[in-house]
C-alpha atoms as a PDB file:
ATOM      1  CA  UNK A   1     108.367  48.165  91.802  1.00  0.00           C
ATOM      2  CA  UNK A   2     110.448  50.768  89.999  1.00  0.00           C
ATOM      3  CA  UNK A   3     108.240  53.530  91.314  1.00  0.00           C
ATOM      4  CA  UNK A   4     108.521  52.197  94.850  1.00  0.00           C
ATOM      5  CA  UNK A   5     112.322  52.015  94.592  1.00  0.00           C
ATOM      6  CA  UNK A   6     112.689  55.746  93.950  1.00  0.00           C
ATOM      7  CA  UNK A   7     113.726  57.734  97.022  1.00  0.00           C
ATOM      8  CA  UNK A   8     110.931  59.751  98.550  1.00  0.00           C
ATOM      9  CA  UNK A   9     111.346  63.511  98.681  1.00  0.00           C
ATOM     10  CA  UNK A  10     111.799  64.843 102.138  1.00  0.00           C
ATOM     11  CA  UNK A  11     109.226  67.290 103.402  1.00  0.00           C
ATOM     12  CA  UNK A  12     109.801  71.029 103.084  1.00  0.00           C
ATOM     13  CA  UNK A  13     111.573  72.629 106.034  1.00  0.00           C
ATOM     14  CA  UNK A  14     109.408  74.932 108.110  1.00  0.00           C
ATOM     15  CA  UNK A  15     110.276  78.425 109.282  1.00  0.00           C
ATOM     16  CA  UNK A  16     112.087  78.279 112.626  1.00  0.00           C
ATOM     17  CA  UNK A  17     110.231  81.372 113.846  1.00  0.00           C
ATOM     18  CA  UNK A  18     106.545  80.681 113.108  1.00  0.00           C
ATOM     19  CA  UNK A  19     106.922  76.921 112.546  1.00  0.00           C
ATOM     20  CA  UNK A  20     104.036  77.127 110.072  1.00  0.00           C
ATOM     21  CA  UNK A  21     105.184  78.547 106.747  1.00  0.00           C
ATOM     22  CA  UNK A  22     107.714  76.973 104.453  1.00  0.00           C
ATOM     23  CA  UNK A  23     111.205  78.405 104.906  1.00  0.00           C
ATOM     24  CA  UNK A  24     112.216  80.626 101.974  1.00  0.00           C
ATOM     25  CA  UNK A  25     115.792  81.499 102.918  1.00  0.00           C
ATOM     26  CA  UNK A  26     118.623  80.895 105.325  1.00  0.00           C
ATOM     27  CA  UNK A  27     119.586  84.040 107.229  1.00  0.00           C
ATOM     28  CA  UNK A  28     123.271  84.823 106.552  1.00  0.00           C
ATOM     29  CA  UNK A  29     123.584  86.375 109.995  1.00  0.00           C
ATOM     30  CA  UNK A  30     122.271  83.424 112.035  1.00  0.00           C
ATOM     31  CA  UNK A  31     121.995  80.579 109.460  1.00  0.00           C
ATOM     32  CA  UNK A  32     118.373  80.072 110.573  1.00  0.00           C
ATOM     33  CA  UNK A  33     115.790  78.812 108.073  1.00  0.00           C
ATOM     34  CA  UNK A  34     113.016  81.381 107.914  1.00  0.00           C
ATOM     35  CA  UNK A  35     109.996  82.318 105.789  1.00  0.00           C
ATOM     36  CA  UNK A  36     109.746  85.663 104.008  1.00  0.00           C
ATOM     37  CA  UNK A  37     107.198  87.261 106.319  1.00  0.00           C
ATOM     38  CA  UNK A  38     109.139  86.320 109.428  1.00  0.00           C
ATOM     39  CA  UNK A  39     112.356  87.542 107.795  1.00  0.00           C
ATOM     40  CA  UNK A  40     110.782  90.936 107.136  1.00  0.00           C
ATOM     41  CA  UNK A  41     109.566  91.071 110.733  1.00  0.00           C
ATOM     42  CA  UNK A  42     112.865  90.120 112.418  1.00  0.00           C
ATOM     43  CA  UNK A  43     114.909  92.298 110.037  1.00  0.00           C
ATOM     44  CA  UNK A  44     112.824  95.374 110.804  1.00  0.00           C
ATOM     45  CA  UNK A  45     112.533  94.610 114.513  1.00  0.00           C
ATOM     46  CA  UNK A  46     116.310  94.301 114.926  1.00  0.00           C
ATOM     47  CA  UNK A  47     116.774  97.732 113.365  1.00  0.00           C
ATOM     48  CA  UNK A  48     113.979  99.163 115.547  1.00  0.00           C
ATOM     49  CA  UNK A  49     115.720  97.819 118.659  1.00  0.00           C
ATOM     50  CA  UNK A  50     119.051  99.308 117.575  1.00  0.00           C
ATOM     51  CA  UNK A  51     117.339 102.680 117.153  1.00  0.00           C
ATOM     52  CA  UNK A  52     115.721 102.471 120.594  1.00  0.00           C
ATOM     53  CA  UNK A  53     118.715 101.092 122.504  1.00  0.00           C
ATOM     54  CA  UNK A  54     121.069 103.720 121.089  1.00  0.00           C
ATOM     55  CA  UNK A  55     118.544 106.588 121.179  1.00  0.00           C
ATOM     56  CA  UNK A  56     119.345 107.483 117.585  1.00  0.00           C
ATOM     57  CA  UNK A  57     116.348 109.785 117.180  1.00  0.00           C
ATOM     58  CA  UNK A  58     113.922 111.794 119.238  1.00  0.00           C
ATOM     59  CA  UNK A  59     110.408 113.014 118.348  1.00  0.00           C
ATOM     60  CA  UNK A  60     110.399 116.042 116.093  1.00  0.00           C
ATOM     61  CA  UNK A  61     113.872 115.394 114.636  1.00  0.00           C
ATOM     62  CA  UNK A  62     114.523 116.297 111.030  1.00  0.00           C
ATOM     63  CA  UNK A  63     116.547 113.422 109.570  1.00  0.00           C
ATOM     64  CA  UNK A  64     118.374 113.421 106.245  1.00  0.00           C
ATOM     65  CA  UNK A  65     118.904 109.956 104.771  1.00  0.00           C
ATOM     66  CA  UNK A  66     122.106 109.794 102.737  1.00  0.00           C
ATOM     67  CA  UNK A  67     120.662 108.415  99.483  1.00  0.00           C
ATOM     68  CA  UNK A  68     122.878 107.112  96.693  1.00  0.00           C
ATOM     69  CA  UNK A  69     120.302 104.944  94.962  1.00  0.00           C
ATOM     70  CA  UNK A  70     122.156 101.786  96.027  1.00  0.00           C
ATOM     71  CA  UNK A  71     120.746  98.887  98.037  1.00  0.00           C
ATOM     72  CA  UNK A  72     121.823 100.139 101.484  1.00  0.00           C
ATOM     73  CA  UNK A  73     120.411 103.642 101.271  1.00  0.00           C
ATOM     74  CA  UNK A  74     117.268 102.487  99.444  1.00  0.00           C
ATOM     75  CA  UNK A  75     116.482  99.862 102.097  1.00  0.00           C
ATOM     76  CA  UNK A  76     117.303 102.403 104.827  1.00  0.00           C
ATOM     77  CA  UNK A  77     114.864 104.928 103.352  1.00  0.00           C
ATOM     78  CA  UNK A  78     112.142 102.270 103.038  1.00  0.00           C
ATOM     79  CA  UNK A  79     112.642 100.782 106.528  1.00  0.00           C
ATOM     80  CA  UNK A  80     112.923 104.145 108.301  1.00  0.00           C
ATOM     81  CA  UNK A  81     109.733 105.300 106.578  1.00  0.00           C
ATOM     82  CA  UNK A  82     107.942 102.126 107.702  1.00  0.00           C
ATOM     83  CA  UNK A  83     109.242 102.231 111.283  1.00  0.00           C
ATOM     84  CA  UNK A  84     108.523 105.950 111.559  1.00  0.00           C
ATOM     85  CA  UNK A  85     104.866 105.292 110.745  1.00  0.00           C
ATOM     86  CA  UNK A  86     104.557 102.023 112.666  1.00  0.00           C
ATOM     87  CA  UNK A  87     106.177 103.187 115.906  1.00  0.00           C
ATOM     88  CA  UNK A  88     105.310 106.889 115.757  1.00  0.00           C
ATOM     89  CA  UNK A  89     108.906 108.127 115.897  1.00  0.00           C
ATOM     90  CA  UNK A  90     107.650 111.570 114.928  1.00  0.00           C
ATOM     91  CA  UNK A  91     110.473 112.183 112.433  1.00  0.00           C
ATOM     92  CA  UNK A  92     110.565 114.422 109.388  1.00  0.00           C
ATOM     93  CA  UNK A  93     112.524 112.409 106.823  1.00  0.00           C
ATOM     94  CA  UNK A  94     114.381 113.737 103.795  1.00  0.00           C
ATOM     95  CA  UNK A  95     116.509 112.176 101.062  1.00  0.00           C
ATOM     96  CA  UNK A  96     119.919 113.793 100.579  1.00  0.00           C
ATOM     97  CA  UNK A  97     122.023 112.852  97.561  1.00  0.00           C
ATOM     98  CA  UNK A  98     125.472 113.878  96.370  1.00  0.00           C
ATOM     99  CA  UNK A  99     126.123 114.177  92.635  1.00  0.00           C
ATOM    100  CA  UNK A 100     129.836 113.510  92.228  1.00  0.00           C
ATOM    101  CA  UNK A 101     129.657 114.030  88.495  1.00  0.00           C
ATOM    102  CA  UNK A 102     130.403 110.501  87.248  1.00  0.00           C
ATOM    103  CA  UNK A 103     128.892 109.983  83.818  1.00  0.00           C
ATOM    104  CA  UNK A 104     127.218 106.611  83.344  1.00  0.00           C
ATOM    105  CA  UNK A 105     127.151 105.916  87.075  1.00  0.00           C
ATOM    106  CA  UNK A 106     125.962 108.678  89.367  1.00  0.00           C
ATOM    107  CA  UNK A 107     123.651 110.266  86.797  1.00  0.00           C
ATOM    108  CA  UNK A 108     121.897 106.899  86.406  1.00  0.00           C
ATOM    109  CA  UNK A 109     121.746 106.173  90.147  1.00  0.00           C
ATOM    110  CA  UNK A 110     120.239 109.604  90.817  1.00  0.00           C
ATOM    111  CA  UNK A 111     117.341 108.662  88.572  1.00  0.00           C
ATOM    112  CA  UNK A 112     116.688 105.805  91.019  1.00  0.00           C
ATOM    113  CA  UNK A 113     116.756 108.240  93.942  1.00  0.00           C
ATOM    114  CA  UNK A 114     114.264 110.488  92.139  1.00  0.00           C
ATOM    115  CA  UNK A 115     111.930 107.497  91.773  1.00  0.00           C
ATOM    116  CA  UNK A 116     112.406 106.718  95.483  1.00  0.00           C
ATOM    117  CA  UNK A 117     111.352 110.294  96.238  1.00  0.00           C
ATOM    118  CA  UNK A 118     107.973 109.562  94.649  1.00  0.00           C
ATOM    119  CA  UNK A 119     107.700 105.967  95.913  1.00  0.00           C
ATOM    120  CA  UNK A 120     108.318 106.842  99.582  1.00  0.00           C
ATOM    121  CA  UNK A 121     106.936 110.376  99.556  1.00  0.00           C
ATOM    122  CA  UNK A 122     110.174 111.862 100.901  1.00  0.00           C
ATOM    123  CA  UNK A 123     111.503 115.281  99.817  1.00  0.00           C
ATOM    124  CA  UNK A 124     114.824 115.085  97.930  1.00  0.00           C
ATOM    125  CA  UNK A 125     117.802 117.460  98.008  1.00  0.00           C
ATOM    126  CA  UNK A 126     120.742 116.980  95.619  1.00  0.00           C
ATOM    127  CA  UNK A 127     124.089 118.747  96.068  1.00  0.00           C
ATOM    128  CA  UNK A 128     126.865 118.456  93.487  1.00  0.00           C
ATOM    129  CA  UNK A 129     130.647 118.537  93.477  1.00  0.00           C
ATOM    130  CA  UNK A 130     130.501 120.942  90.545  1.00  0.00           C
ATOM    131  CA  UNK A 131     128.459 123.494  92.465  1.00  0.00           C
ATOM    132  CA  UNK A 132     130.376 123.086  95.735  1.00  0.00           C
ATOM    133  CA  UNK A 133     133.935 122.685  94.469  1.00  0.00           C
ATOM    134  CA  UNK A 134     133.936 123.627  90.796  1.00  0.00           C
ATOM    135  CA  UNK A 135     135.035 120.122  89.782  1.00  0.00           C
ATOM    136  CA  UNK A 136     133.303 116.880  88.836  1.00  0.00           C
ATOM    137  CA  UNK A 137     134.859 113.483  89.516  1.00  0.00           C
ATOM    138  CA  UNK A 138     135.130 112.939  85.768  1.00  0.00           C
ATOM    139  CA  UNK A 139     137.307 116.075  85.569  1.00  0.00           C
ATOM    140  CA  UNK A 140     139.339 115.074  88.623  1.00  0.00           C
ATOM    141  CA  UNK A 141     140.022 111.568  87.287  1.00  0.00           C
ATOM    142  CA  UNK A 142     141.026 113.051  83.943  1.00  0.00           C
ATOM    143  CA  UNK A 143     143.674 115.064  85.771  1.00  0.00           C
ATOM    144  CA  UNK A 144     144.884 112.660  88.462  1.00  0.00           C
ATOM    145  CA  UNK A 145     144.122 109.238  86.990  1.00  0.00           C
ATOM    146  CA  UNK A 146     142.578 106.208  88.696  1.00  0.00           C
ATOM    147  CA  UNK A 147     145.133 105.598  91.438  1.00  0.00           C
ATOM    148  CA  UNK A 148     144.137 108.168  94.081  1.00  0.00           C
ATOM    149  CA  UNK A 149     140.723 109.296  92.907  1.00  0.00           C
ATOM    150  CA  UNK A 150     138.868 107.665  95.832  1.00  0.00           C
ATOM    151  CA  UNK A 151     140.738 109.965  98.236  1.00  0.00           C
ATOM    152  CA  UNK A 152     139.231 113.017  96.532  1.00  0.00           C
ATOM    153  CA  UNK A 153     135.770 111.507  96.319  1.00  0.00           C
ATOM    154  CA  UNK A 154     135.673 110.338  99.949  1.00  0.00           C
ATOM    155  CA  UNK A 155     136.814 113.675 101.358  1.00  0.00           C
ATOM    156  CA  UNK A 156     134.518 115.726  99.126  1.00  0.00           C
ATOM    157  CA  UNK A 157     131.495 113.477  99.719  1.00  0.00           C
ATOM    158  CA  UNK A 158     131.727 113.686 103.513  1.00  0.00           C
ATOM    159  CA  UNK A 159     131.818 117.454 103.371  1.00  0.00           C
ATOM    160  CA  UNK A 160     129.119 117.633 100.668  1.00  0.00           C
ATOM    161  CA  UNK A 161     126.743 115.620 102.873  1.00  0.00           C
ATOM    162  CA  UNK A 162     127.276 118.114 105.685  1.00  0.00           C
ATOM    163  CA  UNK A 163     126.716 121.047 103.323  1.00  0.00           C
ATOM    164  CA  UNK A 164     123.501 119.479 102.051  1.00  0.00           C
ATOM    165  CA  UNK A 165     122.335 118.636 105.570  1.00  0.00           C
ATOM    166  CA  UNK A 166     122.895 122.253 106.602  1.00  0.00           C
ATOM    167  CA  UNK A 167     120.756 123.436 103.689  1.00  0.00           C
ATOM    168  CA  UNK A 168     117.968 121.088 104.812  1.00  0.00           C
ATOM    169  CA  UNK A 169     118.409 122.280 108.412  1.00  0.00           C
ATOM    170  CA  UNK A 170     118.292 118.722 109.709  1.00  0.00           C
ATOM    171  CA  UNK A 171     119.231 117.519 113.176  1.00  0.00           C
ATOM    172  CA  UNK A 172     121.026 114.378 112.040  1.00  0.00           C
ATOM    173  CA  UNK A 173     122.137 112.446 108.959  1.00  0.00           C
ATOM    174  CA  UNK A 174     121.349 108.713 108.768  1.00  0.00           C
ATOM    175  CA  UNK A 175     123.661 106.696 106.528  1.00  0.00           C
ATOM    176  CA  UNK A 176     123.340 103.165 105.160  1.00  0.00           C
ATOM    177  CA  UNK A 177     126.683 101.896 106.458  1.00  0.00           C
ATOM    178  CA  UNK A 178     126.139  98.233 107.322  1.00  0.00           C
ATOM    179  CA  UNK A 179     127.970  95.710 109.521  1.00  0.00           C
ATOM    180  CA  UNK A 180     130.233  94.621 106.641  1.00  0.00           C
ATOM    181  CA  UNK A 181     131.238  98.250 105.999  1.00  0.00           C
ATOM    182  CA  UNK A 182     132.122  98.842 109.634  1.00  0.00           C
ATOM    183  CA  UNK A 183     134.142  95.618 109.924  1.00  0.00           C
ATOM    184  CA  UNK A 184     136.054  96.638 106.782  1.00  0.00           C
ATOM    185  CA  UNK A 185     136.758 100.063 108.274  1.00  0.00           C
ATOM    186  CA  UNK A 186     138.107  98.555 111.494  1.00  0.00           C
ATOM    187  CA  UNK A 187     140.563  96.470 109.461  1.00  0.00           C
ATOM    188  CA  UNK A 188     141.525  99.392 107.219  1.00  0.00           C
ATOM    189  CA  UNK A 189     142.269 101.673 110.164  1.00  0.00           C
ATOM    190  CA  UNK A 190     144.436  98.956 111.749  1.00  0.00           C
ATOM    191  CA  UNK A 191     146.311  98.418 108.479  1.00  0.00           C
ATOM    192  CA  UNK A 192     146.836 102.171 108.068  1.00  0.00           C
ATOM    193  CA  UNK A 193     147.726 102.737 111.703  1.00  0.00           C
ATOM    194  CA  UNK A 194     145.034 105.428 111.809  1.00  0.00           C
ATOM    195  CA  UNK A 195     144.479 105.624 115.574  1.00  0.00           C
ATOM    196  CA  UNK A 196     142.183 108.660 115.446  1.00  0.00           C
ATOM    197  CA  UNK A 197     139.678 106.997 113.134  1.00  0.00           C
ATOM    198  CA  UNK A 198     140.064 103.582 114.774  1.00  0.00           C
ATOM    199  CA  UNK A 199     138.900 105.085 118.054  1.00  0.00           C
ATOM    200  CA  UNK A 200     135.599 106.245 116.566  1.00  0.00           C
ATOM    201  CA  UNK A 201     134.860 104.118 113.485  1.00  0.00           C
ATOM    202  CA  UNK A 202     132.585 101.702 115.378  1.00  0.00           C
ATOM    203  CA  UNK A 203     130.556 104.456 117.045  1.00  0.00           C
ATOM    204  CA  UNK A 204     126.920 104.274 115.983  1.00  0.00           C
ATOM    205  CA  UNK A 205     126.685 108.068 116.297  1.00  0.00           C
ATOM    206  CA  UNK A 206     129.564 110.283 115.178  1.00  0.00           C
ATOM    207  CA  UNK A 207     130.174 113.993 114.838  1.00  0.00           C
ATOM    208  CA  UNK A 208     128.233 114.966 117.942  1.00  0.00           C
ATOM    209  CA  UNK A 209     130.771 117.719 118.551  1.00  0.00           C
ATOM    210  CA  UNK A 210     130.603 118.833 114.924  1.00  0.00           C
ATOM    211  CA  UNK A 211     128.046 120.662 112.797  1.00  0.00           C
ATOM    212  CA  UNK A 212     125.594 117.776 112.222  1.00  0.00           C
ATOM    213  CA  UNK A 213     125.805 114.311 113.856  1.00  0.00           C
ATOM    214  CA  UNK A 214     125.553 111.124 111.802  1.00  0.00           C
ATOM    215  CA  UNK A 215     124.105 107.781 112.766  1.00  0.00           C
ATOM    216  CA  UNK A 216     124.191 104.238 111.390  1.00  0.00           C
ATOM    217  CA  UNK A 217     120.951 102.296 112.004  1.00  0.00           C
ATOM    218  CA  UNK A 218     122.415  99.369 110.002  1.00  0.00           C
ATOM    219  CA  UNK A 219     125.470  99.000 112.250  1.00  0.00           C
ATOM    220  CA  UNK A 220     124.654  95.353 113.049  1.00  0.00           C
ATOM    221  CA  UNK A 221     122.838  94.531 109.788  1.00  0.00           C
ATOM    222  CA  UNK A 222     124.596  92.217 107.334  1.00  0.00           C
ATOM    223  CA  UNK A 223     124.978  93.323 103.726  1.00  0.00           C
ATOM    224  CA  UNK A 224     123.620  89.994 102.439  1.00  0.00           C
ATOM    225  CA  UNK A 225     120.436  90.430 104.463  1.00  0.00           C
ATOM    226  CA  UNK A 226     119.976  93.941 103.094  1.00  0.00           C
ATOM    227  CA  UNK A 227     120.267  92.514  99.574  1.00  0.00           C
ATOM    228  CA  UNK A 228     117.752  89.745 100.398  1.00  0.00           C
ATOM    229  CA  UNK A 229     115.322  92.237 101.918  1.00  0.00           C
ATOM    230  CA  UNK A 230     115.528  94.497  98.856  1.00  0.00           C
ATOM    231  CA  UNK A 231     115.126  91.503  96.528  1.00  0.00           C
ATOM    232  CA  UNK A 232     112.102  89.962  98.249  1.00  0.00           C
ATOM    233  CA  UNK A 233     110.448  93.365  98.754  1.00  0.00           C
ATOM    234  CA  UNK A 234     111.156  94.202  95.090  1.00  0.00           C
ATOM    235  CA  UNK A 235     112.612  97.584  96.035  1.00  0.00           C
ATOM    236  CA  UNK A 236     113.845  99.878  93.283  1.00  0.00           C
ATOM    237  CA  UNK A 237     117.620 100.323  93.636  1.00  0.00           C
ATOM    238  CA  UNK A 238     120.722 100.806  91.492  1.00  0.00           C
ATOM    239  CA  UNK A 239     123.235  97.962  91.653  1.00  0.00           C
ATOM    240  CA  UNK A 240     126.167  99.000  89.439  1.00  0.00           C
ATOM    241  CA  UNK A 241     129.527  99.580  91.185  1.00  0.00           C
ATOM    242  CA  UNK A 242     131.340 102.894  90.745  1.00  0.00           C
ATOM    243  CA  UNK A 243     133.399 102.821  87.542  1.00  0.00           C
ATOM    244  CA  UNK A 244     136.336 104.516  89.286  1.00  0.00           C
ATOM    245  CA  UNK A 245     136.656 102.217  92.319  1.00  0.00           C
ATOM    246  CA  UNK A 246     137.767  98.751  91.087  1.00  0.00           C
ATOM    247  CA  UNK A 247     141.248  99.197  92.552  1.00  0.00           C
ATOM    248  CA  UNK A 248     140.213 100.949  95.769  1.00  0.00           C
ATOM    249  CA  UNK A 249     142.207  99.831  98.827  1.00  0.00           C
ATOM    250  CA  UNK A 250     138.957  99.126 100.666  1.00  0.00           C
ATOM    251  CA  UNK A 251     138.181  96.423  98.113  1.00  0.00           C
ATOM    252  CA  UNK A 252     140.961  94.204  99.473  1.00  0.00           C
ATOM    253  CA  UNK A 253     139.568  94.460 103.016  1.00  0.00           C
ATOM    254  CA  UNK A 254     136.105  93.712 101.624  1.00  0.00           C
ATOM    255  CA  UNK A 255     137.267  90.492  99.981  1.00  0.00           C
ATOM    256  CA  UNK A 256     138.971  89.419 103.198  1.00  0.00           C
ATOM    257  CA  UNK A 257     135.771  90.027 105.181  1.00  0.00           C
ATOM    258  CA  UNK A 258     133.761  87.983 102.669  1.00  0.00           C
ATOM    259  CA  UNK A 259     136.217  85.085 102.998  1.00  0.00           C
ATOM    260  CA  UNK A 260     135.891  85.188 106.785  1.00  0.00           C
ATOM    261  CA  UNK A 261     132.106  85.313 106.560  1.00  0.00           C
ATOM    262  CA  UNK A 262     132.022  82.177 104.422  1.00  0.00           C
ATOM    263  CA  UNK A 263     133.980  80.320 107.074  1.00  0.00           C
ATOM    264  CA  UNK A 264     132.156  81.788 110.075  1.00  0.00           C
ATOM    265  CA  UNK A 265     129.347  84.343 109.628  1.00  0.00           C
ATOM    266  CA  UNK A 266     129.775  85.600 113.191  1.00  0.00           C
ATOM    267  CA  UNK A 267     133.224  86.984 112.257  1.00  0.00           C
ATOM    268  CA  UNK A 268     131.721  90.271 111.041  1.00  0.00           C
ATOM    269  CA  UNK A 269     130.103  91.051 114.400  1.00  0.00           C
ATOM    270  CA  UNK A 270     133.229  89.872 116.240  1.00  0.00           C
ATOM    271  CA  UNK A 271     135.419  92.347 114.314  1.00  0.00           C
ATOM    272  CA  UNK A 272     133.000  95.146 115.182  1.00  0.00           C
ATOM    273  CA  UNK A 273     133.082  94.061 118.839  1.00  0.00           C
ATOM    274  CA  UNK A 274     136.887  94.109 118.751  1.00  0.00           C
ATOM    275  CA  UNK A 275     136.808  97.634 117.353  1.00  0.00           C
ATOM    276  CA  UNK A 276     134.402  98.716 120.093  1.00  0.00           C
ATOM    277  CA  UNK A 277     136.664  97.261 122.775  1.00  0.00           C
ATOM    278  CA  UNK A 278     139.923  98.819 121.556  1.00  0.00           C
ATOM    279  CA  UNK A 279     141.352 101.220 124.083  1.00  0.00           C
ATOM    280  CA  UNK A 280     143.729 103.931 122.923  1.00  0.00           C
ATOM    281  CA  UNK A 281     146.719 104.540 125.195  1.00  0.00           C
ATOM    282  CA  UNK A 282     146.451 107.747 127.186  1.00  0.00           C
ATOM    283  CA  UNK A 283     149.945 108.654 125.975  1.00  0.00           C
ATOM    284  CA  UNK A 284     148.849 108.610 122.323  1.00  0.00           C
ATOM    285  CA  UNK A 285     148.632 112.127 120.941  1.00  0.00           C
ATOM    286  CA  UNK A 286     145.302 112.657 119.222  1.00  0.00           C
ATOM    287  CA  UNK A 287     144.583 115.445 116.729  1.00  0.00           C
ATOM    288  CA  UNK A 288     142.982 118.550 118.202  1.00  0.00           C
ATOM    289  CA  UNK A 289     139.752 119.507 116.512  1.00  0.00           C
ATOM    290  CA  UNK A 290     139.347 123.005 115.137  1.00  0.00           C
ATOM    291  CA  UNK A 291     138.023 124.687 112.028  1.00  0.00           C
ATOM    292  CA  UNK A 292     139.515 125.256 108.589  1.00  0.00           C
ATOM    293  CA  UNK A 293     140.841 128.800 108.188  1.00  0.00           C
ATOM    294  CA  UNK A 294     139.756 128.780 104.558  1.00  0.00           C
ATOM    295  CA  UNK A 295     136.185 127.374 104.503  1.00  0.00           C
ATOM    296  CA  UNK A 296     135.262 127.062 108.196  1.00  0.00           C
ATOM    297  CA  UNK A 297     134.708 123.295 108.007  1.00  0.00           C
ATOM    298  CA  UNK A 298     135.745 121.040 110.881  1.00  0.00           C
ATOM    299  CA  UNK A 299     139.487 120.266 110.750  1.00  0.00           C
ATOM    300  CA  UNK A 300     142.434 119.339 112.936  1.00  0.00           C
ATOM    301  CA  UNK A 301     144.795 121.303 110.694  1.00  0.00           C
ATOM    302  CA  UNK A 302     145.054 124.861 109.406  1.00  0.00           C
ATOM    303  CA  UNK A 303     143.254 123.823 106.239  1.00  0.00           C
ATOM    304  CA  UNK A 304     140.774 120.962 105.980  1.00  0.00           C
ATOM    305  CA  UNK A 305     141.601 118.062 103.682  1.00  0.00           C
ATOM    306  CA  UNK A 306     139.053 119.187 101.079  1.00  0.00           C
ATOM    307  CA  UNK A 307     140.654 122.633 100.805  1.00  0.00           C
ATOM    308  CA  UNK A 308     144.142 121.113 100.490  1.00  0.00           C
ATOM    309  CA  UNK A 309     142.965 118.816  97.703  1.00  0.00           C
ATOM    310  CA  UNK A 310     141.121 121.655  95.964  1.00  0.00           C
ATOM    311  CA  UNK A 311     144.205 123.853  96.171  1.00  0.00           C
ATOM    312  CA  UNK A 312     146.163 121.151  94.406  1.00  0.00           C
ATOM    313  CA  UNK A 313     143.570 120.771  91.660  1.00  0.00           C
ATOM    314  CA  UNK A 314     143.253 124.508  91.076  1.00  0.00           C
ATOM    315  CA  UNK A 315     147.026 124.966  90.949  1.00  0.00           C
ATOM    316  CA  UNK A 316     147.557 122.044  88.597  1.00  0.00           C
ATOM    317  CA  UNK A 317     149.201 120.018  91.397  1.00  0.00           C
ATOM    318  CA  UNK A 318     146.655 117.201  91.890  1.00  0.00           C
ATOM    319  CA  UNK A 319     148.958 115.140  94.112  1.00  0.00           C
ATOM    320  CA  UNK A 320     149.098 117.898  96.712  1.00  0.00           C
ATOM    321  CA  UNK A 321     147.718 116.373  99.898  1.00  0.00           C
ATOM    322  CA  UNK A 322     148.024 112.779  98.656  1.00  0.00           C
ATOM    323  CA  UNK A 323     150.296 110.699 100.883  1.00  0.00           C
ATOM    324  CA  UNK A 324     153.313 112.219 102.606  1.00  0.00           C
ATOM    325  CA  UNK A 325     154.676 114.918 100.344  1.00  0.00           C
ATOM    326  CA  UNK A 326     157.190 117.675 100.929  1.00  0.00           C
ATOM    327  CA  UNK A 327     155.941 121.174 101.632  1.00  0.00           C
ATOM    328  CA  UNK A 328     155.144 123.447  98.688  1.00  0.00           C
ATOM    329  CA  UNK A 329     155.876 127.144  98.547  1.00  0.00           C
ATOM    330  CA  UNK A 330     153.712 129.824  96.984  1.00  0.00           C
ATOM    331  CA  UNK A 331     155.200 129.127  93.554  1.00  0.00           C
ATOM    332  CA  UNK A 332     154.084 125.520  93.655  1.00  0.00           C
ATOM    333  CA  UNK A 333     157.680 124.256  93.939  1.00  0.00           C
ATOM    334  CA  UNK A 334     158.958 121.848  96.514  1.00  0.00           C
ATOM    335  CA  UNK A 335     160.407 123.454  99.620  1.00  0.00           C
ATOM    336  CA  UNK A 336     163.589 121.424  99.985  1.00  0.00           C
ATOM    337  CA  UNK A 337     164.567 123.194 103.199  1.00  0.00           C
ATOM    338  CA  UNK A 338     161.705 121.510 105.007  1.00  0.00           C
ATOM    339  CA  UNK A 339     162.664 118.410 106.926  1.00  0.00           C
ATOM    340  CA  UNK A 340     160.893 115.538 105.153  1.00  0.00           C
ATOM    341  CA  UNK A 341     160.210 113.970 108.542  1.00  0.00           C
ATOM    342  CA  UNK A 342     158.119 116.968 109.580  1.00  0.00           C
ATOM    343  CA  UNK A 343     154.528 116.564 108.419  1.00  0.00           C
ATOM    344  CA  UNK A 344     153.252 119.566 106.461  1.00  0.00           C
ATOM    345  CA  UNK A 345     149.715 120.861 106.245  1.00  0.00           C
ATOM    346  CA  UNK A 346     149.400 119.071 102.924  1.00  0.00           C
ATOM    347  CA  UNK A 347     150.433 115.692 104.293  1.00  0.00           C
ATOM    348  CA  UNK A 348     148.336 115.599 107.452  1.00  0.00           C
ATOM    349  CA  UNK A 349     144.883 114.073 107.565  1.00  0.00           C
ATOM    350  CA  UNK A 350     142.072 116.397 108.413  1.00  0.00           C
ATOM    351  CA  UNK A 351     139.689 115.794 111.269  1.00  0.00           C
ATOM    352  CA  UNK A 352     136.467 114.904 109.518  1.00  0.00           C
ATOM    353  CA  UNK A 353     133.119 113.371 110.213  1.00  0.00           C
ATOM    354  CA  UNK A 354     134.060 110.084 108.610  1.00  0.00           C
ATOM    355  CA  UNK A 355     132.145 107.172 110.135  1.00  0.00           C
END
């Protein structure tokens, strides 16, 4: 009698796609119960369709995959390699990594990238801040502290990727920016009032008028699904967060996005859609794109942002180019004759290939 009184266990839920195998996970993007094999299939097929619909690549293209060793770039390298073989894209794929010079973080993650080079059979190119700029992030943080270090790293990394891509002579750079990243960027650009970046941050291809275009095959792919894919596939990736970014401004937008996702998963795609549908007033003055007089890199100012920041570091004025500062004369002293309301070269943002 006691045995009969115990509640019977309900049967295992079946995959909503094949309706045969036992469901192994609930997709964060759609909340569907799905088995592993079907998850792999729909995950890869969605990315394949994004590539086709947006014409991200063409046969014979040389593509550099921005590889940090983290989950996004590792999954991107694996999936692009698989799709390239499966669908005969005809691409020559390369791994391109940037060594920022962060002891205990980037040196360890680069070891992961070197293993990926062997695992996926993709040639690897590493460029470093030290070689390109004469500074490592460890040295920069020692000088400027933790408050504004992400500004230096972001500006230098974007340019370093372009420098590395030029050395590889690739046609395009593919980055692992996912749907969560893009939704965060939309919010950040609204909060900062950065109209120029807001108008292009949701574009799946950027920099078409610059030296080397970039594309984001993961534009509609949720971060949680990338993590699940890497976990179930047992991919080799580095999961430690940067030691210098715990207080980064982007982190606050990231937490907000995660809160929204818990309430309604569709919110991430809706924010991206909102960013796509924004229309900038025709009366809004946009920065005119040119080239840096110092290094020749793309810029909307006389000097690109990287050169302004480097000038500050080399002159012992690390806050040069951070925020809205007064102009500085050749002696490194503040030019008090300059109207503080007039933006100087140092205070303006450079036109870059930021996603």
